[in-house]
C-alpha atoms as a PDB file:
ATOM      1  CA  MET A   1       2.902  -0.249   7.742  1.00  0.00           C
ATOM      2  CA  LYS A   2       1.121  -1.941  10.636  1.00  0.00           C
ATOM      3  CA  SER A   3      -1.958   0.291  10.241  1.00  0.00           C
ATOM      4  CA  ILE A   4      -2.681  -1.186   6.813  1.00  0.00           C
ATOM      5  CA  THR A   5      -2.540  -4.642   8.339  1.00  0.00           C
ATOM      6  CA  SER A   6      -5.038  -3.640  11.027  1.00  0.00           C
ATOM      7  CA  CYS A   7      -7.776  -2.918   8.504  1.00  0.00           C
ATOM      8  CA  PHE A   8      -8.007  -6.653   7.774  1.00  0.00           C
ATOM      9  CA  CYS A   9      -9.200  -7.257  11.317  1.00  0.00           C
ATOM     10  CA  LEU A  10     -12.598  -5.650  10.628  1.00  0.00           C
ATOM     11  CA  SER A  11     -15.443  -8.003  11.450  1.00  0.00           C
ATOM     12  CA  LYS A  12     -19.024  -8.590  10.317  1.00  0.00           C
ATOM     13  CA  ALA A  13     -18.417  -7.594   6.725  1.00  0.00           C
ATOM     14  CA  LYS A  14     -21.426  -6.579   4.652  1.00  0.00           C
ATOM     15  CA  GLN A  15     -22.491  -8.768   1.728  1.00  0.00           C
ATOM     16  CA  ALA A  16     -20.814  -7.485  -1.442  1.00  0.00           C
ATOM     17  CA  ALA A  17     -23.224  -5.715  -3.762  1.00  0.00           C
ATOM     18  CA  GLY A  18     -22.924  -6.882  -7.353  1.00  0.00           C
ATOM     19  CA  PHE A  19     -20.065  -8.675  -8.998  1.00  0.00           C
ATOM     20  CA  ASP A  20     -18.805  -6.145 -11.533  1.00  0.00           C
ATOM     21  CA  ASN A  21     -15.193  -6.613 -12.581  1.00  0.00           C
ATOM     22  CA  HIS A  22     -14.335  -9.155  -9.884  1.00  0.00           C
ATOM     23  CA  ALA A  23     -13.240 -11.784 -12.396  1.00  0.00           C
ATOM     24  CA  VAL A  24     -11.233  -9.221 -14.357  1.00  0.00           C
ATOM     25  CA  LEU A  25      -9.478  -7.989 -11.226  1.00  0.00           C
ATOM     26  CA  ALA A  26      -8.687 -11.558 -10.225  1.00  0.00           C
ATOM     27  CA  SER A  27      -7.145 -12.226 -13.645  1.00  0.00           C
ATOM     28  CA  GLU A  28      -4.962  -9.107 -13.367  1.00  0.00           C
ATOM     29  CA  THR A  29      -3.717  -9.582  -9.794  1.00  0.00           C
ATOM     30  CA  ALA A  30      -2.473 -12.245  -7.384  1.00  0.00           C
ATOM     31  CA  PHE A  31      -5.947 -12.418  -5.803  1.00  0.00           C
ATOM     32  CA  ASN A  32      -8.452 -15.102  -6.733  1.00  0.00           C
ATOM     33  CA  VAL A  33     -12.160 -14.368  -7.179  1.00  0.00           C
ATOM     34  CA  ASN A  34     -13.037 -15.274  -3.590  1.00  0.00           C
ATOM     35  CA  GLU A  35     -10.413 -12.870  -2.330  1.00  0.00           C
ATOM     36  CA  VAL A  36     -11.610 -10.058  -4.598  1.00  0.00           C
ATOM     37  CA  GLU A  37     -15.117 -10.577  -3.220  1.00  0.00           C
ATOM     38  CA  ALA A  38     -13.788 -10.313   0.331  1.00  0.00           C
ATOM     39  CA  LEU A  39     -11.868  -7.163  -0.571  1.00  0.00           C
ATOM     40  CA  HIS A  40     -15.064  -5.699  -1.995  1.00  0.00           C
ATOM     41  CA  SER A  41     -16.728  -6.138   1.378  1.00  0.00           C
ATOM     42  CA  LEU A  42     -13.825  -4.393   3.091  1.00  0.00           C
ATOM     43  CA  PHE A  43     -13.923  -1.643   0.459  1.00  0.00           C
ATOM     44  CA  GLU A  44     -17.645  -1.079   1.094  1.00  0.00           C
ATOM     45  CA  GLN A  45     -17.017  -0.608   4.802  1.00  0.00           C
ATOM     46  CA  LEU A  46     -14.284   1.945   4.153  1.00  0.00           C
ATOM     47  CA  SER A  47     -16.163   3.793   1.416  1.00  0.00           C
ATOM     48  CA  SER A  48     -19.581   4.148   3.046  1.00  0.00           C
ATOM     49  CA  SER A  49     -18.738   5.684   6.415  1.00  0.00           C
ATOM     50  CA  ILE A  50     -18.444   9.324   5.276  1.00  0.00           C
ATOM     51  CA  ILE A  51     -19.965   9.570   1.786  1.00  0.00           C
ATOM     52  CA  ASP A  52     -21.679   6.413   0.556  1.00  0.00           C
ATOM     53  CA  ASP A  53     -20.775   6.800  -3.117  1.00  0.00           C
ATOM     54  CA  GLY A  54     -18.766   3.638  -3.695  1.00  0.00           C
ATOM     55  CA  ARG A  55     -15.415   5.396  -3.414  1.00  0.00           C
ATOM     56  CA  ILE A  56     -12.901   5.941  -0.620  1.00  0.00           C
ATOM     57  CA  HIS A  57     -12.324   9.611   0.071  1.00  0.00           C
ATOM     58  CA  LYS A  58      -9.036  10.852   1.437  1.00  0.00           C
ATOM     59  CA  ALA A  59     -10.340  11.713   4.915  1.00  0.00           C
ATOM     60  CA  LYS A  60     -11.639   8.201   5.457  1.00  0.00           C
ATOM     61  CA  PHE A  61      -8.482   6.617   4.041  1.00  0.00           C
ATOM     62  CA  LEU A  62      -6.271   8.580   6.445  1.00  0.00           C
ATOM     63  CA  LEU A  63      -8.513   7.901   9.427  1.00  0.00           C
ATOM     64  CA  ALA A  64      -9.092   4.198   8.789  1.00  0.00           C
ATOM     65  CA  LEU A  65      -5.583   3.156   7.832  1.00  0.00           C
ATOM     66  CA  PHE A  66      -3.448   5.649   9.745  1.00  0.00           C
ATOM     67  CA  ASN A  67      -5.783   6.900  12.487  1.00  0.00           C
ATOM     68  CA  CYS A  68      -5.082  10.485  11.473  1.00  0.00           C
ATOM     69  CA  SER A  69      -7.291  13.243  10.135  1.00  0.00           C
ATOM     70  CA  ASN A  70      -6.079  16.728  10.981  1.00  0.00           C
ATOM     71  CA  THR A  71      -2.510  15.668  11.772  1.00  0.00           C
ATOM     72  CA  LYS A  72      -0.097  15.865   8.847  1.00  0.00           C
ATOM     73  CA  ASN A  73       1.178  12.408   7.941  1.00  0.00           C
ATOM     74  CA  ILE A  74       3.478  12.366   4.924  1.00  0.00           C
ATOM     75  CA  LEU A  75       3.462   8.575   4.674  1.00  0.00           C
ATOM     76  CA  ALA A  76      -0.338   8.440   4.708  1.00  0.00           C
ATOM     77  CA  GLU A  77      -0.686  11.268   2.195  1.00  0.00           C
ATOM     78  CA  ARG A  78       1.827   9.689  -0.170  1.00  0.00           C
ATOM     79  CA  LEU A  79       0.226   6.268   0.075  1.00  0.00           C
ATOM     80  CA  PHE A  80      -3.176   7.734  -0.756  1.00  0.00           C
ATOM     81  CA  THR A  81      -1.648   9.365  -3.844  1.00  0.00           C
ATOM     82  CA  LEU A  82      -0.288   6.005  -5.017  1.00  0.00           C
ATOM     83  CA  PHE A  83      -3.655   4.286  -4.468  1.00  0.00           C
ATOM     84  CA  ASP A  84      -5.393   7.065  -6.418  1.00  0.00           C
ATOM     85  CA  LEU A  85      -4.273   5.815  -9.831  1.00  0.00           C
ATOM     86  CA  LYS A  86      -6.663   8.112 -11.736  1.00  0.00           C
ATOM     87  CA  LYS A  87      -5.506  11.140  -9.731  1.00  0.00           C
ATOM     88  CA  ASN A  88      -9.096  12.289  -9.166  1.00  0.00           C
ATOM     89  CA  GLY A  89      -8.942  12.583  -5.378  1.00  0.00           C
ATOM     90  CA  VAL A  90     -10.773   9.341  -4.539  1.00  0.00           C
ATOM     91  CA  ILE A  91      -9.985   5.612  -4.573  1.00  0.00           C
ATOM     92  CA  GLU A  92     -12.268   3.399  -6.644  1.00  0.00           C
ATOM     93  CA  PHE A  93     -12.581  -0.349  -6.115  1.00  0.00           C
ATOM     94  CA  GLY A  94     -10.352  -1.301  -9.053  1.00  0.00           C
ATOM     95  CA  GLU A  95      -7.631   1.052  -7.807  1.00  0.00           C
ATOM     96  CA  PHE A  96      -7.990  -0.377  -4.308  1.00  0.00           C
ATOM     97  CA  VAL A  97      -7.465  -3.966  -5.466  1.00  0.00           C
ATOM     98  CA  ARG A  98      -4.705  -3.241  -7.981  1.00  0.00           C
ATOM     99  CA  THR A  99      -2.680  -1.250  -5.454  1.00  0.00           C
ATOM    100  CA  LEU A 100      -3.206  -3.746  -2.640  1.00  0.00           C
ATOM    101  CA  ASN A 101      -1.867  -6.323  -5.074  1.00  0.00           C
ATOM    102  CA  ILE A 102       1.581  -4.750  -4.602  1.00  0.00           C
ATOM    103  CA  PHE A 103       1.457  -5.915  -0.974  1.00  0.00           C
ATOM    104  CA  HIS A 104       0.444  -9.496  -1.814  1.00  0.00           C
ATOM    105  CA  PRO A 105       3.071 -12.105  -0.867  1.00  0.00           C
ATOM    106  CA  ASP A 106       3.033 -13.491  -4.421  1.00  0.00           C
ATOM    107  CA  THR A 107       3.659 -10.166  -6.191  1.00  0.00           C
ATOM    108  CA  ALA A 108       7.048  -9.893  -7.885  1.00  0.00           C
ATOM    109  CA  GLN A 109       9.752  -8.311  -5.751  1.00  0.00           C
ATOM    110  CA  GLN A 110      10.691  -5.906  -8.548  1.00  0.00           C
ATOM    111  CA  ASP A 111       7.184  -4.425  -8.413  1.00  0.00           C
ATOM    112  CA  LYS A 112       7.447  -3.971  -4.650  1.00  0.00           C
ATOM    113  CA  ILE A 113      10.839  -2.277  -5.029  1.00  0.00           C
ATOM    114  CA  ALA A 114       9.489   0.149  -7.637  1.00  0.00           C
ATOM    115  CA  PHE A 115       6.445   0.950  -5.484  1.00  0.00           C
ATOM    116  CA  ALA A 116       8.614   1.636  -2.437  1.00  0.00           C
ATOM    117  CA  PHE A 117      10.800   3.927  -4.556  1.00  0.00           C
ATOM    118  CA  ASN A 118       7.736   5.876  -5.716  1.00  0.00           C
ATOM    119  CA  LEU A 119       6.575   6.108  -2.116  1.00  0.00           C
ATOM    120  CA  TYR A 120       9.800   7.912  -1.176  1.00  0.00           C
ATOM    121  CA  ASP A 121       9.899  10.042  -4.345  1.00  0.00           C
ATOM    122  CA  LEU A 122       7.686  12.747  -2.855  1.00  0.00           C
ATOM    123  CA  GLY A 123       8.365  15.284  -5.599  1.00  0.00           C
ATOM    124  CA  HIS A 124       7.678  12.879  -8.474  1.00  0.00           C
ATOM    125  CA  THR A 125      11.110  13.706  -9.931  1.00  0.00           C
ATOM    126  CA  GLY A 126      12.362  10.162 -10.486  1.00  0.00           C
ATOM    127  CA  TYR A 127      14.837  10.596  -7.639  1.00  0.00           C
ATOM    128  CA  ILE A 128      14.818  10.298  -3.862  1.00  0.00           C
ATOM    129  CA  GLU A 129      16.507  13.470  -2.655  1.00  0.00           C
ATOM    130  CA  ARG A 130      17.998  14.044   0.768  1.00  0.00           C
ATOM    131  CA  GLU A 131      15.087  16.004   2.268  1.00  0.00           C
ATOM    132  CA  GLU A 132      12.594  13.474   0.918  1.00  0.00           C
ATOM    133  CA  LEU A 133      14.581  10.671   2.490  1.00  0.00           C
ATOM    134  CA  LYS A 134      14.663  12.508   5.811  1.00  0.00           C
ATOM    135  CA  ASP A 135      10.923  13.226   5.689  1.00  0.00           C
ATOM    136  CA  MET A 136      10.149   9.562   5.069  1.00  0.00           C
ATOM    137  CA  VAL A 137      12.524   8.378   7.804  1.00  0.00           C
ATOM    138  CA  LEU A 138      10.716  10.677  10.244  1.00  0.00           C
ATOM    139  CA  ALA A 139       7.297   9.512   9.006  1.00  0.00           C
ATOM    140  CA  THR A 140       8.299   5.862   9.372  1.00  0.00           C
ATOM    141  CA  LEU A 141       9.554   6.476  12.907  1.00  0.00           C
ATOM    142  CA  ARG A 142       6.254   8.149  13.844  1.00  0.00           C
ATOM    143  CA  GLU A 143       4.284   5.296  12.312  1.00  0.00           C
ATOM    144  CA  SER A 144       6.347   2.837  14.358  1.00  0.00           C
ATOM    145  CA  GLU A 145       5.940   5.036  17.468  1.00  0.00           C
ATOM    146  CA  LEU A 146       9.708   5.423  17.738  1.00  0.00           C
ATOM    147  CA  SER A 147      11.624   8.573  18.611  1.00  0.00           C
ATOM    148  CA  LEU A 148      15.222   9.426  17.711  1.00  0.00           C
ATOM    149  CA  SER A 149      17.249  12.560  18.235  1.00  0.00           C
ATOM    150  CA  GLU A 150      17.793  14.951  15.340  1.00  0.00           C
ATOM    151  CA  ASP A 151      21.443  13.896  15.225  1.00  0.00           C
ATOM    152  CA  ASP A 152      20.491  10.221  14.967  1.00  0.00           C
ATOM    153  CA  VAL A 153      18.035  10.931  12.151  1.00  0.00           C
ATOM    154  CA  GLU A 154      20.653  12.962  10.275  1.00  0.00           C
ATOM    155  CA  ALA A 155      23.131  10.118  10.744  1.00  0.00           C
ATOM    156  CA  ILE A 156      20.654   7.604   9.267  1.00  0.00           C
ATOM    157  CA  VAL A 157      20.021   9.843   6.267  1.00  0.00           C
ATOM    158  CA  ASP A 158      23.727  10.487   5.703  1.00  0.00           C
ATOM    159  CA  LYS A 159      24.619   6.802   5.963  1.00  0.00           C
ATOM    160  CA  THR A 160      21.825   5.830   3.583  1.00  0.00           C
ATOM    161  CA  LEU A 161      22.915   8.383   0.999  1.00  0.00           C
ATOM    162  CA  GLN A 162      26.540   7.370   1.384  1.00  0.00           C
ATOM    163  CA  GLU A 163      25.686   3.755   0.611  1.00  0.00           C
ATOM    164  CA  ALA A 164      23.010   4.327  -2.031  1.00  0.00           C
ATOM    165  CA  ASP A 165      24.276   7.314  -4.010  1.00  0.00           C
ATOM    166  CA  LEU A 166      26.681   5.408  -6.245  1.00  0.00           C
ATOM    167  CA  ASN A 167      27.269   8.230  -8.749  1.00  0.00           C
ATOM    168  CA  GLY A 168      27.686  10.915  -6.092  1.00  0.00           C
ATOM    169  CA  ASP A 169      25.016  13.317  -7.363  1.00  0.00           C
ATOM    170  CA  GLY A 170      23.398  13.715  -3.932  1.00  0.00           C
ATOM    171  CA  LYS A 171      20.226  11.776  -4.709  1.00  0.00           C
ATOM    172  CA  ILE A 172      19.055   8.200  -5.276  1.00  0.00           C
ATOM    173  CA  ASP A 173      17.717   7.001  -8.633  1.00  0.00           C
ATOM    174  CA  LEU A 174      15.770   3.791  -9.207  1.00  0.00           C
ATOM    175  CA  GLU A 175      18.800   1.692 -10.146  1.00  0.00           C
ATOM    176  CA  GLU A 176      20.676   2.871  -7.051  1.00  0.00           C
ATOM    177  CA  TRP A 177      17.586   2.103  -4.979  1.00  0.00           C
ATOM    178  CA  LYS A 178      17.527  -1.450  -6.369  1.00  0.00           C
ATOM    179  CA  HIS A 179      21.159  -1.924  -5.342  1.00  0.00           C
ATOM    180  CA  LEU A 180      20.391  -0.614  -1.852  1.00  0.00           C
ATOM    181  CA  VAL A 181      17.404  -2.960  -1.435  1.00  0.00           C
ATOM    182  CA  ALA A 182      19.495  -5.908  -2.624  1.00  0.00           C
ATOM    183  CA  LYS A 183      21.926  -5.083   0.182  1.00  0.00           C
ATOM    184  CA  TYR A 184      19.217  -4.387   2.754  1.00  0.00           C
ATOM    185  CA  PRO A 185      16.074  -6.437   1.877  1.00  0.00           C
ATOM    186  CA  SER A 186      14.350  -5.186   5.029  1.00  0.00           C
ATOM    187  CA  LEU A 187      13.779  -1.849   3.247  1.00  0.00           C
ATOM    188  CA  THR A 188      10.850  -3.434   1.414  1.00  0.00           C
ATOM    189  CA  LYS A 189       9.651  -5.666   4.252  1.00  0.00           C
ATOM    190  CA  ASN A 190       6.535  -3.512   4.660  1.00  0.00           C
ATOM    191  CA  MET A 191       5.685  -4.065   0.997  1.00  0.00           C
ATOM    192  CA  THR A 192       4.369  -7.546   1.887  1.00  0.00           C
ATOM    193  CA  LEU A 193       1.270  -8.152   4.016  1.00  0.00           C
ATOM    194  CA  PRO A 194       0.869 -11.875   4.800  1.00  0.00           C
ATOM    195  CA  HIS A 195      -2.777 -11.190   5.774  1.00  0.00           C
ATOM    196  CA  LEU A 196      -3.630 -10.705   2.094  1.00  0.00           C
ATOM    197  CA  ARG A 197      -3.050 -14.396   1.480  1.00  0.00           C
ATOM    198  CA  GLU A 198      -5.585 -15.218   4.196  1.00  0.00           C
ATOM    199  CA  ILE A 199      -8.172 -12.548   3.426  1.00  0.00           C
ATOM    200  CA  THR A 200     -10.979 -15.047   2.800  1.00  0.00           C
ATOM    201  CA  LEU A 201     -10.554 -16.450   6.322  1.00  0.00           C
ATOM    202  CA  ALA A 202     -12.008 -13.170   7.599  1.00  0.00           C
ATOM    203  CA  PHE A 203     -14.955 -13.452   5.213  1.00  0.00           C
ATOM    204  CA  PRO A 204     -15.817 -17.197   5.064  1.00  0.00           C
ATOM    205  CA  ASN A 205     -19.284 -16.591   3.613  1.00  0.00           C
ATOM    206  CA  PHE A 206     -17.684 -15.582   0.306  1.00  0.00           C
ATOM    207  CA  VAL A 207     -15.761 -18.844   0.038  1.00  0.00           C
ATOM    208  CA  MET A 208     -19.013 -20.803   0.123  1.00  0.00           C
ATOM    209  CA  GLU A 209     -20.942 -18.643  -2.336  1.00  0.00           C
ATOM    210  CA  THR A 210     -18.530 -17.416  -4.988  1.00  0.00           C
ATOM    211  CA  LYS A 211     -20.205 -16.531  -8.297  1.00  0.00           C
ATOM    212  CA  VAL A 212     -17.274 -17.417 -10.553  1.00  0.00           C
ATOM    213  CA  VAL A 213     -15.176 -20.545 -10.329  1.00  0.00           C
ATOM    214  CA  ASP A 214     -11.453 -19.684 -10.218  1.00  0.00           C
ATOM    215  CA  SER A 215     -10.697 -22.320 -12.847  1.00  0.00           C
ATOM    216  CA  GLU A 216     -12.752 -20.318 -15.331  1.00  0.00           C
ATOM    217  CA  LEU A 217     -10.018 -17.682 -15.290  1.00  0.00           C
ATOM    218  CA  VAL A 218      -7.402 -20.085 -16.659  1.00  0.00           C
ATOM    219  CA  CYS A 219      -6.726 -19.476 -20.349  1.00  0.00           C
END
């Protein structure tokens, strides 16, 4: 998911407007208040380029994070759906922070595993079926700018199902997915973005002028 990482390289962030919910978001995620402020600046840049309404619309999300607009990108489309927690077609700031929290290095591995499973479960059925697995393998290869023959892709899908489908029903449920990830931890490698731990380094002005002291969040 290198394209997500690239969005943290944006420079000259705008000063965050307001401070609504920053402390609450910090208390609910692995981010501290300074980091939430920095994320707000990034969010403003992403949300204002097409329609300046304080929300990230799908077109901008696909273009900014995956450099695609008209081209069909299953991975990008699915990721947008998971960010859009309210299912209203746009990403609000709270949704942005809470979903990015999944990718924080300090987020529990079990949460990352469940998120990755939902990413592959394109039909929202509670299972990863063979065609869904193949679609996501192809999407991941395109994202990584890799190309394999149809036979190689089919072999990857078959091998994955053979190892993961413990009950032999032709699909992968969450428990089977957990067993597969335990065997191959690299399957969730993209669920961690080290840059999120260093987000304030890109926005040093926020570190100097935070409006809430992090210690105030301690109960």
